[in-house]
Amino acid sequence: MSKKILIYCGSSKGNNPVYEEEVKRLAQELKKHDCSIIFGAGSVGLMGVMADEYLRLGGEVIGVIPSFMQPWEVKHLGIQTCHVTESMHERKQLMAELADGVIAMPGGFGTFDELFEMLTWKQLDLHQMPIAIFNTAGYYDLLLQQLQHMIQEGFLKERNLTALHVESDAAKLADWMMDYVPEKMEKKWIYRA
């Protein structure tokens, strides 16, 4: 059975053309595994690049968009399926329910919000999906430094940071998503004397 991979990424393309190139490369690698792609239904930025490339390759693309965004005319009109939700919260919930795995590409506040919510849910054992960041051109290097600082300062368990896979090679990332074996997270609230 083919997997459904949830993609979080920017509604902008960024200033470096490598982001667009690598998004296309990842789309090509995921298509080799005959995945379906779930995304925020946008036609602009890296979201649009991913959807356009996956459609060009003959893949299935599933969009999820809140109703208030529809008038903004950013909804991708070429995708096979588009779910419309009443709120952003419902959008994120539905995207997670549909997915078998999560990849965060370069993006802004929305991408970070979605990524950290999925990591939090995994820490709470609300799901056991693979979660990865596609660290194109070192985009997430400073965030990874912050996460290490959180461990050093006692606000994040190193064991739980393993819930986040980091990869900059599209082929390796696609293979990792397909081969992932679920693991339980360590709950942070467990008291140890």
Protein backbone atom coordinates (compact mmCIF):
# COMPACT_ATOMS: atom_id res chain seq x y z
CA MET A 1 0.00 0.00 0.00
CA SER A 2 1.41 3.41 -0.94
CA LYS A 3 2.11 5.87 1.85
CA LYS A 4 0.70 9.36 2.22
CA ILE A 5 3.42 11.87 3.08
CA LEU A 6 2.45 15.18 4.66
CA ILE A 7 4.60 18.04 3.40
CA TYR A 8 5.02 21.29 5.33
CA CYS A 9 6.75 24.06 3.41
CA GLY A 10 6.74 27.75 2.62
CA SER A 11 4.20 29.74 0.65
CA SER A 12 7.29 31.57 -0.63
CA LYS A 13 10.11 30.14 -2.73
CA GLY A 14 12.87 31.77 -0.69
CA ASN A 15 15.80 33.78 -2.02
CA ASN A 16 17.98 30.85 -3.05
CA PRO A 17 16.96 28.90 -6.18
CA VAL A 18 18.35 25.73 -4.58
CA TYR A 19 15.19 25.45 -2.47
CA GLU A 20 12.99 25.08 -5.53
CA GLU A 21 15.44 22.68 -7.18
CA GLU A 22 15.61 20.45 -4.10
CA VAL A 23 11.83 20.41 -3.63
CA LYS A 24 11.51 19.09 -7.18
CA ARG A 25 14.20 16.50 -6.47
CA LEU A 26 12.40 15.31 -3.36
CA ALA A 27 9.14 15.08 -5.30
CA GLN A 28 10.90 12.86 -7.83
CA GLU A 29 12.32 10.62 -5.11
CA LEU A 30 8.96 10.26 -3.32
CA LYS A 31 7.28 9.43 -6.62
CA LYS A 32 9.68 6.49 -7.05
CA HIS A 33 7.96 5.03 -3.97
CA ASP A 34 4.52 5.84 -5.41
CA CYS A 35 3.57 7.96 -2.41
CA SER A 36 0.67 10.35 -2.26
CA ILE A 37 1.43 13.90 -1.14
CA ILE A 38 -0.67 15.83 1.39
CA PHE A 39 -0.07 19.57 1.63
CA GLY A 40 -1.70 22.90 2.44
CA ALA A 41 -3.39 23.15 -1.00
CA GLY A 42 -1.47 26.26 -2.05
CA SER A 43 -0.44 27.11 -5.59
CA VAL A 44 2.32 29.51 -4.56
CA GLY A 45 5.83 29.20 -3.12
CA LEU A 46 7.42 25.86 -2.40
CA MET A 47 3.93 24.41 -1.85
CA GLY A 48 3.07 25.18 -5.45
CA VAL A 49 6.42 23.88 -6.71
CA MET A 50 5.94 20.57 -4.90
CA ALA A 51 2.37 20.13 -6.13
CA ASP A 52 3.19 21.10 -9.72
CA GLU A 53 6.14 18.73 -9.88
CA TYR A 54 4.24 15.84 -8.32
CA LEU A 55 1.33 16.32 -10.69
CA ARG A 56 3.76 16.50 -13.63
CA LEU A 57 5.14 13.12 -12.53
CA GLY A 58 1.63 11.65 -12.43
CA GLY A 59 1.38 11.46 -8.63
CA GLU A 60 -1.59 11.93 -6.34
CA VAL A 61 -1.73 15.28 -4.54
CA ILE A 62 -4.18 15.92 -1.69
CA GLY A 63 -4.74 19.45 -0.44
CA VAL A 64 -6.28 20.64 2.83
CA ILE A 65 -7.26 24.30 3.14
CA PRO A 66 -9.36 26.26 5.64
CA SER A 67 -12.42 27.95 4.15
CA PHE A 68 -11.27 31.48 5.02
CA MET A 69 -8.22 31.07 2.76
CA GLN A 70 -10.22 30.19 -0.36
CA PRO A 71 -11.03 33.80 -1.32
CA TRP A 72 -7.29 34.60 -1.31
CA GLU A 73 -7.11 32.74 -4.64
CA VAL A 74 -4.05 30.75 -3.66
CA LYS A 75 -5.73 27.34 -3.77
CA HIS A 76 -4.13 24.96 -6.25
CA LEU A 77 -6.73 24.17 -8.90
CA GLY A 78 -4.92 21.21 -10.48
CA ILE A 79 -4.82 18.76 -7.59
CA GLN A 80 -7.01 15.65 -7.54
CA THR A 81 -8.46 16.10 -4.04
CA CYS A 82 -8.97 19.20 -1.89
CA HIS A 83 -10.54 19.08 1.57
CA VAL A 84 -11.94 22.34 2.95
CA THR A 85 -12.03 22.76 6.73
CA GLU A 86 -13.65 25.37 8.96
CA SER A 87 -10.48 26.36 10.83
CA MET A 88 -6.70 26.09 10.88
CA HIS A 89 -6.97 23.68 13.82
CA GLU A 90 -9.25 21.36 11.84
CA ARG A 91 -6.93 21.66 8.86
CA LYS A 92 -3.91 20.51 10.85
CA GLN A 93 -5.89 17.70 12.50
CA LEU A 94 -7.16 16.37 9.17
CA MET A 95 -3.75 16.57 7.55
CA ALA A 96 -2.30 14.53 10.41
CA GLU A 97 -5.12 11.97 10.26
CA LEU A 98 -4.56 11.42 6.54
CA ALA A 99 -0.77 11.08 6.81
CA ASP A 100 1.66 8.21 7.26
CA GLY A 101 4.70 10.47 7.62
CA VAL A 102 5.74 14.13 7.83
CA ILE A 103 8.44 16.15 6.07
CA ALA A 104 9.13 19.82 6.81
CA MET A 105 10.91 21.69 4.04
CA PRO A 106 12.13 25.27 4.31
CA GLY A 107 9.32 27.58 5.38
CA GLY A 108 8.20 30.25 7.81
CA PHE A 109 5.99 30.51 10.90
CA GLY A 110 3.35 28.13 9.52
CA THR A 111 5.89 25.42 8.73
CA PHE A 112 7.47 25.73 12.19
CA ASP A 113 4.06 25.71 13.88
CA GLU A 114 3.02 22.54 12.09
CA LEU A 115 6.36 20.80 12.59
CA PHE A 116 6.50 21.46 16.33
CA GLU A 117 2.89 20.48 16.82
CA MET A 118 3.57 17.10 15.21
CA LEU A 119 6.71 16.65 17.33
CA THR A 120 4.72 17.50 20.46
CA TRP A 121 1.98 15.05 19.52
CA LYS A 122 4.60 12.37 18.96
CA GLN A 123 6.18 13.09 22.36
CA LEU A 124 2.72 12.57 23.86
CA ASP A 125 2.32 9.27 21.92
CA LEU A 126 -0.64 10.65 19.96
CA HIS A 127 0.96 9.23 16.82
CA GLN A 128 4.05 7.25 15.81
CA MET A 129 4.66 8.66 12.34
CA PRO A 130 8.13 9.46 11.06
CA ILE A 131 8.95 13.18 11.18
CA ALA A 132 11.81 14.66 9.18
CA ILE A 133 13.18 17.98 8.12
CA PHE A 134 14.63 18.39 4.66
CA ASN A 135 17.63 20.51 5.56
CA THR A 136 18.22 22.02 2.14
CA ALA A 137 21.27 24.34 1.99
CA GLY A 138 21.55 24.15 5.78
CA TYR A 139 18.26 26.01 6.22
CA TYR A 140 17.55 24.37 9.58
CA ASP A 141 21.10 24.46 11.00
CA LEU A 142 20.37 27.28 13.45
CA LEU A 143 17.17 25.59 14.61
CA LEU A 144 19.12 22.40 15.27
CA GLN A 145 21.56 24.42 17.38
CA GLN A 146 18.60 25.78 19.36
CA LEU A 147 17.28 22.27 19.96
CA GLN A 148 20.69 21.22 21.32
CA HIS A 149 20.62 24.28 23.58
CA MET A 150 17.19 23.20 24.86
CA ILE A 151 18.67 19.80 25.77
CA GLN A 152 21.66 21.40 27.52
CA GLU A 153 19.33 23.65 29.51
CA GLY A 154 17.07 20.77 30.55
CA PHE A 155 13.94 21.66 28.59
CA LEU A 156 14.12 18.84 26.03
CA LYS A 157 15.10 15.20 26.43
CA GLU A 158 17.76 14.03 24.01
CA ARG A 159 15.79 10.80 23.60
CA ASN A 160 12.81 12.77 22.31
CA LEU A 161 14.92 14.75 19.88
CA THR A 162 15.48 11.46 18.06
CA ALA A 163 11.85 11.82 16.94
CA LEU A 164 13.15 14.38 14.44
CA HIS A 165 15.15 13.00 11.54
CA VAL A 166 17.39 15.45 9.68
CA GLU A 167 18.39 14.85 6.07
CA SER A 168 19.73 16.98 3.23
CA ASP A 169 19.76 14.27 0.55
CA ALA A 170 16.39 13.78 -1.18
CA ALA A 171 16.90 10.11 -2.07
CA LYS A 172 18.05 9.17 1.44
CA LEU A 173 15.12 11.06 2.97
CA ALA A 174 12.56 9.30 0.78
CA ASP A 175 14.10 5.89 1.56
CA TRP A 176 14.15 6.67 5.30
CA MET A 177 10.46 7.60 5.27
CA MET A 178 9.56 4.31 3.58
CA ASP A 179 11.71 2.16 5.90
CA TYR A 180 10.75 3.86 9.18
CA VAL A 181 9.94 1.64 12.16
CA PRO A 182 7.85 3.37 14.89
CA GLU A 183 9.36 3.92 18.31
CA LYS A 184 7.89 5.08 21.60
CA MET A 185 8.91 8.46 22.99
CA GLU A 186 9.99 9.07 26.57
CA LYS A 187 7.28 11.02 28.36
CA LYS A 188 8.75 14.16 29.93
CA TRP A 189 6.39 14.19 32.90
CA ILE A 190 7.40 10.79 34.30
CA TYR A 191 8.86 11.33 37.77
CA ARG A 192 12.10 9.58 38.56
CA ALA A 193 13.39 9.64 42.15
